[in-house]
């Protein structure tokens, strides 16, 4: 059994407005949750279906780019993050992600960031 995640995160388009964007984002997240639920209902561990790396990095400056070495051997399709303070971690140069490294930014300085990268 293979996991099948949607491709392409919805992007905000000013012409369509926030409500249309939030509907698209809700549908995108629902697809991911439904697929993960399908896996958990069968007792299959996500790590058996894709490559996963667990990394801890620290942000040095507000909104400064952080190169995250993951060494999965394939370009990741998503990541989850958790930080030890209020703030947000977000994509940077996603088109430049490689089989060994992704780029993210963090909205606060000196945050310890735990990232799970999925490839």
PDB file of N, CA and C in Angstrom:
ATOM      1  N   UNK A   1       0.842  -1.176   0.000  1.00  0.00           N
ATOM      2  CA  UNK A   1       0.000   0.000   0.000  1.00  0.00           C
ATOM      3  C   UNK A   1       0.887   1.238   0.000  1.00  0.00           C
ATOM      4  N   UNK A   2       0.612   2.150  -0.899  1.00  0.00           N
ATOM      5  CA  UNK A   2       1.375   3.394  -1.011  1.00  0.00           C
ATOM      6  C   UNK A   2       0.507   4.561  -0.578  1.00  0.00           C
ATOM      7  N   UNK A   3       1.148   5.525   0.068  1.00  0.00           N
ATOM      8  CA  UNK A   3       0.443   6.754   0.428  1.00  0.00           C
ATOM      9  C   UNK A   3       0.365   7.644  -0.800  1.00  0.00           C
ATOM     10  N   UNK A   4      -0.723   8.326  -0.964  1.00  0.00           N
ATOM     11  CA  UNK A   4      -0.924   9.194  -2.115  1.00  0.00           C
ATOM     12  C   UNK A   4      -1.310  10.585  -1.624  1.00  0.00           C
ATOM     13  N   UNK A   5      -0.339  11.475  -1.593  1.00  0.00           N
ATOM     14  CA  UNK A   5      -0.592  12.835  -1.110  1.00  0.00           C
ATOM     15  C   UNK A   5      -0.816  13.775  -2.287  1.00  0.00           C
ATOM     16  N   UNK A   6      -1.638  14.797  -2.076  1.00  0.00           N
ATOM     17  CA  UNK A   6      -1.885  15.760  -3.153  1.00  0.00           C
ATOM     18  C   UNK A   6      -0.615  16.529  -3.495  1.00  0.00           C
ATOM     19  N   UNK A   7      -0.498  16.914  -4.736  1.00  0.00           N
ATOM     20  CA  UNK A   7       0.663  17.696  -5.151  1.00  0.00           C
ATOM     21  C   UNK A   7       0.283  19.164  -5.201  1.00  0.00           C
ATOM     22  N   UNK A   8       1.231  20.014  -4.955  1.00  0.00           N
ATOM     23  CA  UNK A   8       1.026  21.449  -5.075  1.00  0.00           C
ATOM     24  C   UNK A   8       0.163  22.058  -3.997  1.00  0.00           C
ATOM     25  N   UNK A   9       0.789  22.743  -3.084  1.00  0.00           N
ATOM     26  CA  UNK A   9       0.065  23.462  -2.041  1.00  0.00           C
ATOM     27  C   UNK A   9      -0.662  24.642  -2.679  1.00  0.00           C
ATOM     28  N   UNK A  10      -1.948  24.834  -2.345  1.00  0.00           N
ATOM     29  CA  UNK A  10      -2.673  25.973  -2.935  1.00  0.00           C
ATOM     30  C   UNK A  10      -1.972  27.292  -2.619  1.00  0.00           C
ATOM     31  N   UNK A  11      -1.953  28.178  -3.590  1.00  0.00           N
ATOM     32  CA  UNK A  11      -1.337  29.485  -3.395  1.00  0.00           C
ATOM     33  C   UNK A  11      -2.406  30.555  -3.335  1.00  0.00           C
ATOM     34  N   UNK A  12      -2.129  31.573  -2.535  1.00  0.00           N
ATOM     35  CA  UNK A  12      -3.063  32.679  -2.390  1.00  0.00           C
ATOM     36  C   UNK A  12      -3.062  33.516  -3.655  1.00  0.00           C
ATOM     37  N   UNK A  13      -4.236  33.861  -4.131  1.00  0.00           N
ATOM     38  CA  UNK A  13      -4.388  34.686  -5.314  1.00  0.00           C
ATOM     39  C   UNK A  13      -5.298  35.855  -4.928  1.00  0.00           C
ATOM     40  N   UNK A  14      -4.768  37.061  -4.954  1.00  0.00           N
ATOM     41  CA  UNK A  14      -5.547  38.241  -4.536  1.00  0.00           C
ATOM     42  C   UNK A  14      -6.848  38.372  -5.307  1.00  0.00           C
ATOM     43  N   UNK A  15      -6.831  38.019  -6.563  1.00  0.00           N
ATOM     44  CA  UNK A  15      -8.019  38.129  -7.409  1.00  0.00           C
ATOM     45  C   UNK A  15      -9.155  37.253  -6.870  1.00  0.00           C
ATOM     46  N   UNK A  16      -8.821  36.036  -6.387  1.00  0.00           N
ATOM     47  CA  UNK A  16      -9.846  35.125  -5.869  1.00  0.00           C
ATOM     48  C   UNK A  16     -10.250  35.466  -4.444  1.00  0.00           C
ATOM     49  N   UNK A  17      -9.336  36.083  -3.686  1.00  0.00           N
ATOM     50  CA  UNK A  17      -9.646  36.485  -2.327  1.00  0.00           C
ATOM     51  C   UNK A  17      -9.347  35.417  -1.285  1.00  0.00           C
ATOM     52  N   UNK A  18      -9.413  35.833  -0.038  1.00  0.00           N
ATOM     53  CA  UNK A  18      -9.038  34.980   1.079  1.00  0.00           C
ATOM     54  C   UNK A  18      -9.999  33.812   1.277  1.00  0.00           C
ATOM     55  N   UNK A  19     -11.281  34.026   1.095  1.00  0.00           N
ATOM     56  CA  UNK A  19     -12.254  32.954   1.336  1.00  0.00           C
ATOM     57  C   UNK A  19     -12.037  31.805   0.360  1.00  0.00           C
ATOM     58  N   UNK A  20     -11.835  32.119  -0.916  1.00  0.00           N
ATOM     59  CA  UNK A  20     -11.573  31.068  -1.909  1.00  0.00           C
ATOM     60  C   UNK A  20     -10.281  30.333  -1.565  1.00  0.00           C
ATOM     61  N   UNK A  21      -9.258  31.093  -1.134  1.00  0.00           N
ATOM     62  CA  UNK A  21      -7.986  30.473  -0.753  1.00  0.00           C
ATOM     63  C   UNK A  21      -8.170  29.557   0.448  1.00  0.00           C
ATOM     64  N   UNK A  22      -8.897  30.010   1.460  1.00  0.00           N
ATOM     65  CA  UNK A  22      -9.087  29.194   2.663  1.00  0.00           C
ATOM     66  C   UNK A  22      -9.865  27.925   2.323  1.00  0.00           C
ATOM     67  N   UNK A  23     -10.807  27.995   1.382  1.00  0.00           N
ATOM     68  CA  UNK A  23     -11.531  26.800   0.960  1.00  0.00           C
ATOM     69  C   UNK A  23     -10.592  25.809   0.277  1.00  0.00           C
ATOM     70  N   UNK A  24      -9.717  26.323  -0.607  1.00  0.00           N
ATOM     71  CA  UNK A  24      -8.751  25.454  -1.292  1.00  0.00           C
ATOM     72  C   UNK A  24      -7.782  24.827  -0.295  1.00  0.00           C
ATOM     73  N   UNK A  25      -7.313  25.629   0.657  1.00  0.00           N
ATOM     74  CA  UNK A  25      -6.379  25.121   1.661  1.00  0.00           C
ATOM     75  C   UNK A  25      -7.054  24.068   2.543  1.00  0.00           C
ATOM     76  N   UNK A  26      -8.308  24.322   2.933  1.00  0.00           N
ATOM     77  CA  UNK A  26      -9.052  23.353   3.740  1.00  0.00           C
ATOM     78  C   UNK A  26      -9.183  22.028   2.989  1.00  0.00           C
ATOM     79  N   UNK A  27      -9.509  22.084   1.702  1.00  0.00           N
ATOM     80  CA  UNK A  27      -9.648  20.867   0.905  1.00  0.00           C
ATOM     81  C   UNK A  27      -8.312  20.125   0.787  1.00  0.00           C
ATOM     82  N   UNK A  28      -7.238  20.879   0.600  1.00  0.00           N
ATOM     83  CA  UNK A  28      -5.897  20.292   0.499  1.00  0.00           C
ATOM     84  C   UNK A  28      -5.534  19.558   1.797  1.00  0.00           C
ATOM     85  N   UNK A  29      -5.748  20.222   2.927  1.00  0.00           N
ATOM     86  CA  UNK A  29      -5.435  19.606   4.218  1.00  0.00           C
ATOM     87  C   UNK A  29      -6.336  18.408   4.502  1.00  0.00           C
ATOM     88  N   UNK A  30      -7.590  18.482   4.089  1.00  0.00           N
ATOM     89  CA  UNK A  30      -8.503  17.353   4.275  1.00  0.00           C
ATOM     90  C   UNK A  30      -8.005  16.142   3.498  1.00  0.00           C
ATOM     91  N   UNK A  31      -7.507  16.347   2.282  1.00  0.00           N
ATOM     92  CA  UNK A  31      -6.973  15.237   1.492  1.00  0.00           C
ATOM     93  C   UNK A  31      -5.803  14.573   2.207  1.00  0.00           C
ATOM     94  N   UNK A  32      -4.920  15.388   2.777  1.00  0.00           N
ATOM     95  CA  UNK A  32      -3.771  14.848   3.507  1.00  0.00           C
ATOM     96  C   UNK A  32      -4.238  14.077   4.735  1.00  0.00           C
ATOM     97  N   UNK A  33      -5.130  14.658   5.507  1.00  0.00           N
ATOM     98  CA  UNK A  33      -5.623  14.003   6.723  1.00  0.00           C
ATOM     99  C   UNK A  33      -6.345  12.705   6.384  1.00  0.00           C
ATOM    100  N   UNK A  34      -7.167  12.716   5.349  1.00  0.00           N
ATOM    101  CA  UNK A  34      -7.872  11.498   4.947  1.00  0.00           C
ATOM    102  C   UNK A  34      -6.899  10.394   4.560  1.00  0.00           C
ATOM    103  N   UNK A  35      -5.848  10.760   3.838  1.00  0.00           N
ATOM    104  CA  UNK A  35      -4.862   9.760   3.420  1.00  0.00           C
ATOM    105  C   UNK A  35      -4.091   9.219   4.630  1.00  0.00           C
ATOM    106  N   UNK A  36      -3.715  10.087   5.546  1.00  0.00           N
ATOM    107  CA  UNK A  36      -3.021   9.633   6.758  1.00  0.00           C
ATOM    108  C   UNK A  36      -3.950   8.771   7.617  1.00  0.00           C
ATOM    109  N   UNK A  37      -5.216   9.136   7.676  1.00  0.00           N
ATOM    110  CA  UNK A  37      -6.187   8.329   8.427  1.00  0.00           C
ATOM    111  C   UNK A  37      -6.327   6.947   7.784  1.00  0.00           C
ATOM    112  N   UNK A  38      -6.354   6.904   6.455  1.00  0.00           N
ATOM    113  CA  UNK A  38      -6.432   5.624   5.758  1.00  0.00           C
ATOM    114  C   UNK A  38      -5.258   4.736   6.136  1.00  0.00           C
ATOM    115  N   UNK A  39      -4.087   5.334   6.258  1.00  0.00           N
ATOM    116  CA  UNK A  39      -2.906   4.580   6.650  1.00  0.00           C
ATOM    117  C   UNK A  39      -2.995   4.119   8.098  1.00  0.00           C
ATOM    118  N   UNK A  40      -3.365   5.025   8.986  1.00  0.00           N
ATOM    119  CA  UNK A  40      -3.401   4.657  10.399  1.00  0.00           C
ATOM    120  C   UNK A  40      -4.490   3.620  10.670  1.00  0.00           C
ATOM    121  N   UNK A  41      -5.576   3.651   9.910  1.00  0.00           N
ATOM    122  CA  UNK A  41      -6.636   2.664  10.068  1.00  0.00           C
ATOM    123  C   UNK A  41      -6.152   1.266   9.709  1.00  0.00           C
ATOM    124  N   UNK A  42      -5.161   1.186   8.839  1.00  0.00           N
ATOM    125  CA  UNK A  42      -4.610  -0.109   8.432  1.00  0.00           C
ATOM    126  C   UNK A  42      -3.404  -0.503   9.285  1.00  0.00           C
ATOM    127  N   UNK A  43      -3.002   0.346  10.211  1.00  0.00           N
ATOM    128  CA  UNK A  43      -1.872   0.037  11.078  1.00  0.00           C
ATOM    129  C   UNK A  43      -0.527   0.146  10.389  1.00  0.00           C
ATOM    130  N   UNK A  44      -0.455   0.859   9.267  1.00  0.00           N
ATOM    131  CA  UNK A  44       0.799   1.003   8.541  1.00  0.00           C
ATOM    132  C   UNK A  44       1.487   2.285   8.995  1.00  0.00           C
ATOM    133  N   UNK A  45       2.726   2.170   9.369  1.00  0.00           N
ATOM    134  CA  UNK A  45       3.517   3.305   9.824  1.00  0.00           C
ATOM    135  C   UNK A  45       3.920   4.152   8.614  1.00  0.00           C
ATOM    136  N   UNK A  46       3.745   5.469   8.722  1.00  0.00           N
ATOM    137  CA  UNK A  46       4.114   6.372   7.637  1.00  0.00           C
ATOM    138  C   UNK A  46       5.576   6.179   7.230  1.00  0.00           C
ATOM    139  N   UNK A  47       6.451   5.877   8.197  1.00  0.00           N
ATOM    140  CA  UNK A  47       7.870   5.710   7.888  1.00  0.00           C
ATOM    141  C   UNK A  47       8.134   4.491   7.008  1.00  0.00           C
ATOM    142  N   UNK A  48       7.182   3.551   6.932  1.00  0.00           N
ATOM    143  CA  UNK A  48       7.346   2.389   6.059  1.00  0.00           C
ATOM    144  C   UNK A  48       7.020   2.734   4.612  1.00  0.00           C
ATOM    145  N   UNK A  49       6.378   3.858   4.408  1.00  0.00           N
ATOM    146  CA  UNK A  49       5.913   4.222   3.082  1.00  0.00           C
ATOM    147  C   UNK A  49       6.756   5.297   2.416  1.00  0.00           C
ATOM    148  N   UNK A  50       7.455   6.078   3.189  1.00  0.00           N
ATOM    149  CA  UNK A  50       8.292   7.126   2.606  1.00  0.00           C
ATOM    150  C   UNK A  50       9.531   7.308   3.465  1.00  0.00           C
ATOM    151  N   UNK A  51      10.457   8.031   2.945  1.00  0.00           N
ATOM    152  CA  UNK A  51      11.683   8.320   3.701  1.00  0.00           C
ATOM    153  C   UNK A  51      11.405   9.493   4.634  1.00  0.00           C
ATOM    154  N   UNK A  52      11.916   9.377   5.850  1.00  0.00           N
ATOM    155  CA  UNK A  52      11.659  10.396   6.864  1.00  0.00           C
ATOM    156  C   UNK A  52      12.978  10.744   7.549  1.00  0.00           C
ATOM    157  N   UNK A  53      13.193  12.045   7.749  1.00  0.00           N
ATOM    158  CA  UNK A  53      14.374  12.499   8.487  1.00  0.00           C
ATOM    159  C   UNK A  53      13.912  13.416   9.616  1.00  0.00           C
ATOM    160  N   UNK A  54      14.538  13.256  10.780  1.00  0.00           N
ATOM    161  CA  UNK A  54      14.254  14.099  11.936  1.00  0.00           C
ATOM    162  C   UNK A  54      15.468  14.985  12.179  1.00  0.00           C
ATOM    163  N   UNK A  55      15.266  16.293  12.150  1.00  0.00           N
ATOM    164  CA  UNK A  55      16.382  17.238  12.238  1.00  0.00           C
ATOM    165  C   UNK A  55      16.049  18.325  13.244  1.00  0.00           C
ATOM    166  N   UNK A  56      17.060  18.805  13.951  1.00  0.00           N
ATOM    167  CA  UNK A  56      16.904  19.962  14.829  1.00  0.00           C
ATOM    168  C   UNK A  56      17.883  21.036  14.363  1.00  0.00           C
ATOM    169  N   UNK A  57      17.374  22.245  14.156  1.00  0.00           N
ATOM    170  CA  UNK A  57      18.194  23.385  13.761  1.00  0.00           C
ATOM    171  C   UNK A  57      17.808  24.578  14.628  1.00  0.00           C
ATOM    172  N   UNK A  58      18.610  25.625  14.573  1.00  0.00           N
ATOM    173  CA  UNK A  58      18.324  26.850  15.321  1.00  0.00           C
ATOM    174  C   UNK A  58      18.303  28.025  14.353  1.00  0.00           C
ATOM    175  N   UNK A  59      17.292  28.878  14.504  1.00  0.00           N
ATOM    176  CA  UNK A  59      17.230  30.082  13.671  1.00  0.00           C
ATOM    177  C   UNK A  59      18.172  31.122  14.260  1.00  0.00           C
ATOM    178  N   UNK A  60      18.941  31.777  13.411  1.00  0.00           N
ATOM    179  CA  UNK A  60      19.900  32.754  13.930  1.00  0.00           C
ATOM    180  C   UNK A  60      19.337  34.170  13.925  1.00  0.00           C
ATOM    181  N   UNK A  61      18.567  34.508  12.892  1.00  0.00           N
ATOM    182  CA  UNK A  61      17.991  35.848  12.797  1.00  0.00           C
ATOM    183  C   UNK A  61      16.531  35.736  12.345  1.00  0.00           C
ATOM    184  N   UNK A  62      15.767  36.769  12.571  1.00  0.00           N
ATOM    185  CA  UNK A  62      14.374  36.803  12.134  1.00  0.00           C
ATOM    186  C   UNK A  62      14.318  36.706  10.611  1.00  0.00           C
ATOM    187  N   UNK A  63      13.535  35.766  10.114  1.00  0.00           N
ATOM    188  CA  UNK A  63      13.318  35.559   8.681  1.00  0.00           C
ATOM    189  C   UNK A  63      14.595  35.274   7.892  1.00  0.00           C
ATOM    190  N   UNK A  64      15.618  34.793   8.577  1.00  0.00           N
ATOM    191  CA  UNK A  64      16.846  34.395   7.891  1.00  0.00           C
ATOM    192  C   UNK A  64      16.724  32.975   7.365  1.00  0.00           C
ATOM    193  N   UNK A  65      17.299  32.738   6.210  1.00  0.00           N
ATOM    194  CA  UNK A  65      17.206  31.412   5.609  1.00  0.00           C
ATOM    195  C   UNK A  65      18.056  30.403   6.370  1.00  0.00           C
ATOM    196  N   UNK A  66      17.515  29.198   6.509  1.00  0.00           N
ATOM    197  CA  UNK A  66      18.200  28.099   7.182  1.00  0.00           C
ATOM    198  C   UNK A  66      18.295  26.939   6.195  1.00  0.00           C
ATOM    199  N   UNK A  67      19.497  26.479   5.933  1.00  0.00           N
ATOM    200  CA  UNK A  67      19.692  25.290   5.106  1.00  0.00           C
ATOM    201  C   UNK A  67      19.567  24.081   6.035  1.00  0.00           C
ATOM    202  N   UNK A  68      18.649  23.185   5.712  1.00  0.00           N
ATOM    203  CA  UNK A  68      18.392  22.009   6.541  1.00  0.00           C
ATOM    204  C   UNK A  68      18.864  20.774   5.782  1.00  0.00           C
ATOM    205  N   UNK A  69      19.944  20.170   6.254  1.00  0.00           N
ATOM    206  CA  UNK A  69      20.468  18.959   5.624  1.00  0.00           C
ATOM    207  C   UNK A  69      19.652  17.763   6.095  1.00  0.00           C
ATOM    208  N   UNK A  70      19.062  17.020   5.143  1.00  0.00           N
ATOM    209  CA  UNK A  70      18.229  15.874   5.510  1.00  0.00           C
ATOM    210  C   UNK A  70      18.781  14.550   4.991  1.00  0.00           C
ATOM    211  N   UNK A  71      19.524  14.577   3.889  1.00  0.00           N
ATOM    212  CA  UNK A  71      20.172  13.393   3.316  1.00  0.00           C
ATOM    213  C   UNK A  71      19.214  12.231   3.064  1.00  0.00           C
ATOM    214  N   UNK A  72      18.011  12.512   2.590  1.00  0.00           N
ATOM    215  CA  UNK A  72      17.043  11.458   2.281  1.00  0.00           C
ATOM    216  C   UNK A  72      17.369  10.732   0.974  1.00  0.00           C
ATOM    217  N   UNK A  73      18.120  11.392   0.111  1.00  0.00           N
ATOM    218  CA  UNK A  73      18.424  10.795  -1.183  1.00  0.00           C
ATOM    219  C   UNK A  73      17.375  11.101  -2.238  1.00  0.00           C
ATOM    220  N   UNK A  74      16.276  11.748  -1.840  1.00  0.00           N
ATOM    221  CA  UNK A  74      15.244  12.207  -2.774  1.00  0.00           C
ATOM    222  C   UNK A  74      14.765  13.578  -2.303  1.00  0.00           C
ATOM    223  N   UNK A  75      14.207  14.352  -3.218  1.00  0.00           N
ATOM    224  CA  UNK A  75      13.708  15.669  -2.855  1.00  0.00           C
ATOM    225  C   UNK A  75      12.425  15.521  -2.039  1.00  0.00           C
ATOM    226  N   UNK A  76      12.369  16.103  -0.854  1.00  0.00           N
ATOM    227  CA  UNK A  76      11.188  15.973   0.004  1.00  0.00           C
ATOM    228  C   UNK A  76       9.944  16.611  -0.615  1.00  0.00           C
ATOM    229  N   UNK A  77       8.779  16.087  -0.217  1.00  0.00           N
ATOM    230  CA  UNK A  77       7.522  16.662  -0.677  1.00  0.00           C
ATOM    231  C   UNK A  77       6.850  17.484   0.412  1.00  0.00           C
ATOM    232  N   UNK A  78       7.266  17.310   1.680  1.00  0.00           N
ATOM    233  CA  UNK A  78       6.691  18.116   2.751  1.00  0.00           C
ATOM    234  C   UNK A  78       7.524  17.988   4.012  1.00  0.00           C
ATOM    235  N   UNK A  79       7.236  18.859   4.978  1.00  0.00           N
ATOM    236  CA  UNK A  79       7.859  18.766   6.287  1.00  0.00           C
ATOM    237  C   UNK A  79       6.873  19.256   7.341  1.00  0.00           C
ATOM    238  N   UNK A  80       7.101  18.822   8.563  1.00  0.00           N
ATOM    239  CA  UNK A  80       6.355  19.305   9.720  1.00  0.00           C
ATOM    240  C   UNK A  80       7.366  19.941  10.656  1.00  0.00           C
ATOM    241  N   UNK A  81       6.946  20.963  11.379  1.00  0.00           N
ATOM    242  CA  UNK A  81       7.893  21.647  12.256  1.00  0.00           C
ATOM    243  C   UNK A  81       7.253  21.937  13.606  1.00  0.00           C
ATOM    244  N   UNK A  82       8.132  22.131  14.586  1.00  0.00           N
ATOM    245  CA  UNK A  82       7.730  22.550  15.921  1.00  0.00           C
ATOM    246  C   UNK A  82       8.868  23.399  16.463  1.00  0.00           C
ATOM    247  N   UNK A  83       8.526  24.544  17.066  1.00  0.00           N
ATOM    248  CA  UNK A  83       9.574  25.393  17.638  1.00  0.00           C
ATOM    249  C   UNK A  83       9.293  25.648  19.105  1.00  0.00           C
ATOM    250  N   UNK A  84      10.322  26.057  19.818  1.00  0.00           N
ATOM    251  CA  UNK A  84      10.224  26.227  21.269  1.00  0.00           C
ATOM    252  C   UNK A  84       9.770  27.615  21.690  1.00  0.00           C
ATOM    253  N   UNK A  85       9.200  28.379  20.785  1.00  0.00           N
ATOM    254  CA  UNK A  85       8.679  29.715  21.095  1.00  0.00           C
ATOM    255  C   UNK A  85       7.635  30.091  20.053  1.00  0.00           C
ATOM    256  N   UNK A  86       6.944  31.184  20.270  1.00  0.00           N
ATOM    257  CA  UNK A  86       5.937  31.618  19.307  1.00  0.00           C
ATOM    258  C   UNK A  86       6.581  32.043  18.003  1.00  0.00           C
ATOM    259  N   UNK A  87       6.089  31.560  16.925  1.00  0.00           N
ATOM    260  CA  UNK A  87       6.632  31.923  15.623  1.00  0.00           C
ATOM    261  C   UNK A  87       6.175  30.943  14.567  1.00  0.00           C
ATOM    262  N   UNK A  88       6.677  31.144  13.366  1.00  0.00           N
ATOM    263  CA  UNK A  88       6.291  30.320  12.226  1.00  0.00           C
ATOM    264  C   UNK A  88       7.523  29.925  11.429  1.00  0.00           C
ATOM    265  N   UNK A  89       7.534  28.705  10.957  1.00  0.00           N
ATOM    266  CA  UNK A  89       8.560  28.223  10.040  1.00  0.00           C
ATOM    267  C   UNK A  89       7.885  28.099   8.672  1.00  0.00           C
ATOM    268  N   UNK A  90       8.557  28.587   7.631  1.00  0.00           N
ATOM    269  CA  UNK A  90       7.944  28.564   6.306  1.00  0.00           C
ATOM    270  C   UNK A  90       8.998  28.306   5.234  1.00  0.00           C
ATOM    271  N   UNK A  91       8.516  27.891   4.041  1.00  0.00           N
ATOM    272  CA  UNK A  91       9.394  27.535   2.924  1.00  0.00           C
ATOM    273  C   UNK A  91      10.240  28.708   2.466  1.00  0.00           C
ATOM    274  N   UNK A  92      11.434  28.367   1.993  1.00  0.00           N
ATOM    275  CA  UNK A  92      12.300  29.317   1.316  1.00  0.00           C
ATOM    276  C   UNK A  92      12.902  28.590   0.116  1.00  0.00           C
ATOM    277  N   UNK A  93      12.909  29.239  -1.012  1.00  0.00           N
ATOM    278  CA  UNK A  93      13.502  28.680  -2.241  1.00  0.00           C
ATOM    279  C   UNK A  93      13.108  27.223  -2.474  1.00  0.00           C
ATOM    280  N   UNK A  94      11.833  26.936  -2.397  1.00  0.00           N
ATOM    281  CA  UNK A  94      11.359  25.555  -2.551  1.00  0.00           C
ATOM    282  C   UNK A  94      11.819  24.932  -3.875  1.00  0.00           C
ATOM    283  N   UNK A  95      11.919  25.715  -4.908  1.00  0.00           N
ATOM    284  CA  UNK A  95      12.369  25.199  -6.206  1.00  0.00           C
ATOM    285  C   UNK A  95      13.824  24.720  -6.150  1.00  0.00           C
ATOM    286  N   UNK A  96      14.569  25.144  -5.134  1.00  0.00           N
ATOM    287  CA  UNK A  96      15.975  24.756  -4.998  1.00  0.00           C
ATOM    288  C   UNK A  96      16.189  23.604  -4.025  1.00  0.00           C
ATOM    289  N   UNK A  97      15.117  23.030  -3.485  1.00  0.00           N
ATOM    290  CA  UNK A  97      15.272  21.882  -2.597  1.00  0.00           C
ATOM    291  C   UNK A  97      15.908  20.732  -3.376  1.00  0.00           C
ATOM    292  N   UNK A  98      16.746  19.971  -2.678  1.00  0.00           N
ATOM    293  CA  UNK A  98      17.463  18.872  -3.334  1.00  0.00           C
ATOM    294  C   UNK A  98      17.271  17.576  -2.551  1.00  0.00           C
ATOM    295  N   UNK A  99      17.945  16.544  -3.023  1.00  0.00           N
ATOM    296  CA  UNK A  99      17.881  15.236  -2.368  1.00  0.00           C
ATOM    297  C   UNK A  99      18.655  15.208  -1.054  1.00  0.00           C
ATOM    298  N   UNK A 100      19.323  16.311  -0.719  1.00  0.00           N
ATOM    299  CA  UNK A 100      20.075  16.342   0.537  1.00  0.00           C
ATOM    300  C   UNK A 100      19.786  17.570   1.404  1.00  0.00           C
ATOM    301  N   UNK A 101      19.035  18.554   0.870  1.00  0.00           N
ATOM    302  CA  UNK A 101      18.879  19.808   1.607  1.00  0.00           C
ATOM    303  C   UNK A 101      17.586  20.530   1.218  1.00  0.00           C
ATOM    304  N   UNK A 102      16.934  21.131   2.230  1.00  0.00           N
ATOM    305  CA  UNK A 102      15.809  22.033   1.978  1.00  0.00           C
ATOM    306  C   UNK A 102      16.144  23.374   2.619  1.00  0.00           C
ATOM    307  N   UNK A 103      15.369  24.391   2.271  1.00  0.00           N
ATOM    308  CA  UNK A 103      15.591  25.725   2.814  1.00  0.00           C
ATOM    309  C   UNK A 103      14.293  26.216   3.445  1.00  0.00           C
ATOM    310  N   UNK A 104      14.402  26.709   4.676  1.00  0.00           N
ATOM    311  CA  UNK A 104      13.246  27.256   5.378  1.00  0.00           C
ATOM    312  C   UNK A 104      13.646  28.575   6.014  1.00  0.00           C
ATOM    313  N   UNK A 105      12.649  29.312   6.481  1.00  0.00           N
ATOM    314  CA  UNK A 105      12.873  30.529   7.248  1.00  0.00           C
ATOM    315  C   UNK A 105      12.020  30.450   8.502  1.00  0.00           C
ATOM    316  N   UNK A 106      12.406  31.223   9.508  1.00  0.00           N
ATOM    317  CA  UNK A 106      11.671  31.246  10.763  1.00  0.00           C
ATOM    318  C   UNK A 106      11.408  32.703  11.147  1.00  0.00           C
ATOM    319  N   UNK A 107      10.202  32.966  11.622  1.00  0.00           N
ATOM    320  CA  UNK A 107       9.797  34.345  11.922  1.00  0.00           C
ATOM    321  C   UNK A 107      10.365  34.880  13.236  1.00  0.00           C
ATOM    322  N   UNK A 108      11.086  34.049  13.984  1.00  0.00           N
ATOM    323  CA  UNK A 108      11.718  34.506  15.227  1.00  0.00           C
ATOM    324  C   UNK A 108      13.171  34.041  15.259  1.00  0.00           C
ATOM    325  N   UNK A 109      13.994  34.799  15.954  1.00  0.00           N
ATOM    326  CA  UNK A 109      15.412  34.441  16.094  1.00  0.00           C
ATOM    327  C   UNK A 109      15.612  33.535  17.298  1.00  0.00           C
ATOM    328  N   UNK A 110      16.688  32.778  17.266  1.00  0.00           N
ATOM    329  CA  UNK A 110      17.127  31.920  18.366  1.00  0.00           C
ATOM    330  C   UNK A 110      16.092  30.877  18.764  1.00  0.00           C
ATOM    331  N   UNK A 111      15.323  30.396  17.790  1.00  0.00           N
ATOM    332  CA  UNK A 111      14.339  29.342  18.055  1.00  0.00           C
ATOM    333  C   UNK A 111      14.958  27.986  17.752  1.00  0.00           C
ATOM    334  N   UNK A 112      14.744  27.043  18.634  1.00  0.00           N
ATOM    335  CA  UNK A 112      15.128  25.659  18.362  1.00  0.00           C
ATOM    336  C   UNK A 112      13.986  25.041  17.566  1.00  0.00           C
ATOM    337  N   UNK A 113      14.300  24.566  16.367  1.00  0.00           N
ATOM    338  CA  UNK A 113      13.283  24.064  15.442  1.00  0.00           C
ATOM    339  C   UNK A 113      13.490  22.565  15.241  1.00  0.00           C
ATOM    340  N   UNK A 114      12.446  21.811  15.502  1.00  0.00           N
ATOM    341  CA  UNK A 114      12.464  20.375  15.219  1.00  0.00           C
ATOM    342  C   UNK A 114      11.655  20.179  13.936  1.00  0.00           C
ATOM    343  N   UNK A 115      12.300  19.560  12.950  1.00  0.00           N
ATOM    344  CA  UNK A 115      11.682  19.386  11.639  1.00  0.00           C
ATOM    345  C   UNK A 115      11.667  17.898  11.289  1.00  0.00           C
ATOM    346  N   UNK A 116      10.510  17.445  10.822  1.00  0.00           N
ATOM    347  CA  UNK A 116      10.387  16.099  10.270  1.00  0.00           C
ATOM    348  C   UNK A 116      10.184  16.287   8.770  1.00  0.00           C
ATOM    349  N   UNK A 117      11.108  15.756   7.985  1.00  0.00           N
ATOM    350  CA  UNK A 117      11.091  15.922   6.531  1.00  0.00           C
ATOM    351  C   UNK A 117      10.640  14.608   5.896  1.00  0.00           C
ATOM    352  N   UNK A 118       9.689  14.679   4.949  1.00  0.00           N
ATOM    353  CA  UNK A 118       9.153  13.506   4.280  1.00  0.00           C
ATOM    354  C   UNK A 118       9.548  13.521   2.813  1.00  0.00           C
ATOM    355  N   UNK A 119      10.099  12.399   2.344  1.00  0.00           N
ATOM    356  CA  UNK A 119      10.491  12.292   0.965  1.00  0.00           C
ATOM    357  C   UNK A 119       9.955  11.054   0.312  1.00  0.00           C
TER     358      UNK A 119
END
